[in-house]
Protein backbone atom coordinates (compact mmCIF):
# COMPACT_ATOMS: atom_id res chain seq x y z
CA MET A 1 20.88 33.00 -17.18
CA LEU A 2 21.82 36.62 -16.15
CA ASP A 3 25.10 35.60 -14.33
CA SER A 4 27.18 37.64 -16.60
CA PHE A 5 24.92 40.89 -15.96
CA PHE A 6 25.00 40.44 -12.08
CA ASN A 7 28.79 39.63 -12.12
CA ALA A 8 29.33 42.93 -14.13
CA ILE A 9 27.51 44.77 -11.36
CA PHE A 10 28.52 43.06 -8.23
CA GLY A 11 31.52 40.66 -9.20
CA VAL A 12 34.28 43.23 -8.19
CA ILE A 13 33.19 43.48 -4.57
CA ILE A 14 32.30 39.94 -4.28
CA GLU A 15 35.72 38.78 -5.31
CA ALA A 16 37.53 41.43 -3.23
CA TRP A 17 35.35 41.03 -0.08
CA PRO A 18 32.52 38.20 -0.23
CA LEU A 19 30.99 39.35 3.04
CA GLY A 20 30.67 43.01 1.58
CA GLY A 21 29.27 41.66 -1.56
CA VAL A 22 26.32 39.95 0.32
CA LEU A 23 25.89 43.22 2.29
CA VAL A 24 25.90 45.41 -0.90
CA VAL A 25 23.48 43.06 -2.86
CA SER A 26 21.18 42.95 0.35
CA PHE A 27 21.13 46.67 0.69
CA VAL A 28 20.45 47.30 -2.94
CA LEU A 29 17.65 44.75 -3.18
CA THR A 30 16.12 45.79 -0.03
CA LEU A 31 16.23 49.53 -1.21
CA LEU A 32 14.52 48.54 -4.58
CA VAL A 33 11.81 46.49 -2.95
CA THR A 34 11.16 49.26 -0.39
CA ILE A 35 10.89 51.89 -3.07
CA ILE A 36 8.55 49.71 -5.22
CA TYR A 37 6.49 48.98 -2.23
CA LYS A 38 6.27 52.65 -1.26
CA TYR A 39 5.14 53.84 -4.62
CA MET A 40 2.86 50.85 -5.62
CA THR A 41 0.69 51.23 -2.31
CA ASP A 42 -1.41 53.82 -0.96
CA GLN A 43 0.70 54.92 2.03
CA ARG A 44 -1.93 57.11 3.56
CA ARG A 45 -4.47 54.24 3.39
CA LEU A 46 -1.93 51.78 4.89
CA LYS A 47 -1.14 54.21 7.70
CA GLU A 48 -4.79 54.54 8.52
CA MET A 49 -5.20 50.76 8.59
CA LYS A 50 -2.17 50.42 10.88
CA ASP A 51 -3.70 52.76 13.26
CA GLU A 52 -7.06 51.03 12.99
CA MET A 53 -5.37 47.68 13.83
CA LYS A 54 -3.66 49.26 16.76
CA ASP A 55 -6.92 50.57 18.12
CA LEU A 56 -8.51 47.29 17.59
CA ARG A 57 -5.74 45.52 19.66
CA ASN A 58 -6.21 47.97 22.39
CA GLN A 59 -10.04 47.25 22.34
CA MET A 60 -9.28 43.41 22.54
CA LYS A 61 -7.15 44.00 25.63
CA GLN A 62 -9.97 46.14 27.19
CA HIS A 63 -12.67 43.35 26.46
CA LYS A 64 -10.60 40.25 27.48
CA GLY A 65 -13.47 39.05 29.69
CA ASP A 66 -16.28 39.66 27.25
CA GLN A 67 -16.12 36.82 24.64
CA ALA A 68 -18.94 38.12 22.45
CA LYS A 69 -17.39 41.54 22.21
CA LEU A 70 -13.88 40.07 21.71
CA MET A 71 -15.10 37.83 18.78
CA GLU A 72 -16.65 40.92 17.23
CA ILE A 73 -13.53 42.98 17.49
CA GLN A 74 -11.50 39.91 16.11
CA LYS A 75 -13.77 39.78 13.17
CA GLN A 76 -13.04 43.49 12.57
CA SER A 77 -9.48 42.95 12.91
CA MET A 78 -9.47 39.95 10.38
CA GLN A 79 -11.20 42.06 7.79
CA LYS A 80 -8.64 44.76 8.28
CA SER A 81 -5.99 42.51 7.83
CA MET A 82 -7.31 41.13 4.64
CA GLU A 83 -7.70 44.65 3.20
CA GLN A 84 -4.08 45.43 4.27
CA MET A 85 -2.99 42.27 2.50
CA LYS A 86 -4.95 43.10 -0.76
CA HIS A 87 -2.86 46.55 -0.76
CA THR A 88 0.48 44.79 -0.39
CA PHE A 89 -0.09 41.87 -2.74
CA LYS A 90 0.62 43.64 -6.04
CA PRO A 91 4.14 44.93 -5.13
CA MET A 92 4.90 41.53 -3.69
CA LEU A 93 4.10 39.92 -7.05
CA ILE A 94 6.08 42.37 -9.04
CA THR A 95 9.24 41.91 -6.82
CA PHE A 96 8.87 38.03 -6.44
CA LEU A 97 10.29 37.08 -9.89
CA PRO A 98 13.18 39.33 -9.94
CA LEU A 99 14.11 38.31 -6.52
CA ILE A 100 14.10 34.62 -7.33
CA VAL A 101 16.36 35.24 -10.32
CA ILE A 102 18.84 37.15 -8.16
CA PHE A 103 18.58 34.56 -5.52
CA SER A 104 19.49 31.86 -8.04
CA TRP A 105 22.61 33.91 -9.02
CA LEU A 106 23.50 34.46 -5.40
CA ARG A 107 23.36 30.75 -4.61
CA ASN A 108 25.49 29.90 -7.66
CA THR A 109 27.92 32.56 -6.69
CA TYR A 110 28.17 31.97 -3.00
CA ASP A 111 27.77 28.18 -2.46
CA PRO A 112 31.41 27.42 -3.32
CA VAL A 113 32.45 30.21 -0.85
CA GLY A 114 30.99 28.45 2.07
CA THR A 115 30.44 30.29 5.34
CA LEU A 116 31.13 34.15 5.61
CA ILE A 117 30.97 34.81 9.37
CA GLY A 118 31.50 31.88 11.69
CA PRO A 119 28.86 29.35 10.95
CA LEU A 120 26.69 31.79 8.78
CA THR A 121 26.47 31.07 5.18
CA TRP A 122 25.47 33.78 2.60
CA ILE A 123 21.65 33.30 3.08
CA TRP A 124 21.68 33.91 6.73
CA VAL A 125 23.90 36.98 6.21
CA TYR A 126 21.50 38.19 3.53
CA ILE A 127 18.50 37.56 5.67
CA ILE A 128 19.85 39.19 8.81
CA SER A 129 21.18 42.28 6.90
CA SER A 130 18.07 42.66 4.77
CA ILE A 131 15.96 42.74 8.18
CA VAL A 132 18.21 45.47 9.50
CA PHE A 133 18.36 47.37 6.14
CA SER A 134 14.56 47.17 5.78
CA PHE A 135 13.98 48.46 9.21
CA ILE A 136 16.26 51.45 8.46
CA LEU A 137 14.98 52.25 4.97
CA ARG A 138 11.44 52.05 6.11
CA LYS A 139 11.97 54.66 8.65
CA VAL A 140 14.03 56.89 6.50
CA LEU A 141 11.68 56.64 3.43
CA LYS A 142 8.51 56.80 5.73
CA VAL A 143 7.12 53.54 4.35
CA HIS A 144 4.00 52.22 6.23
């Protein structure tokens, strides 16, 4: 489908160093997804909701013995979680289809390679590196 496009961008590093290719692709995709997420969500509101959720968790700890109060706090927590999910749904939809296309290309490119580090195939290297890159990029770009 878009194999020639992706090969033109990432092909040189993949041929020279397959592990490095996965790391570069992982970093680039994670950066793009993080930027899209940052600018398509209301970061101020997400920060407020995150703080409210933290406060609700603290209240749940304080009211462990009071089932009625605990149920009330859990209801509020569920409402906040649903609101938070509504805010993050649009960027997820926008990034989902391009990521599926890129993963198809990655699978076609890396399945013949086999393992990259010990028993880890490209998908595991991608997942682990994208988690690390996401954590770092979210801190650097101040994404909530």
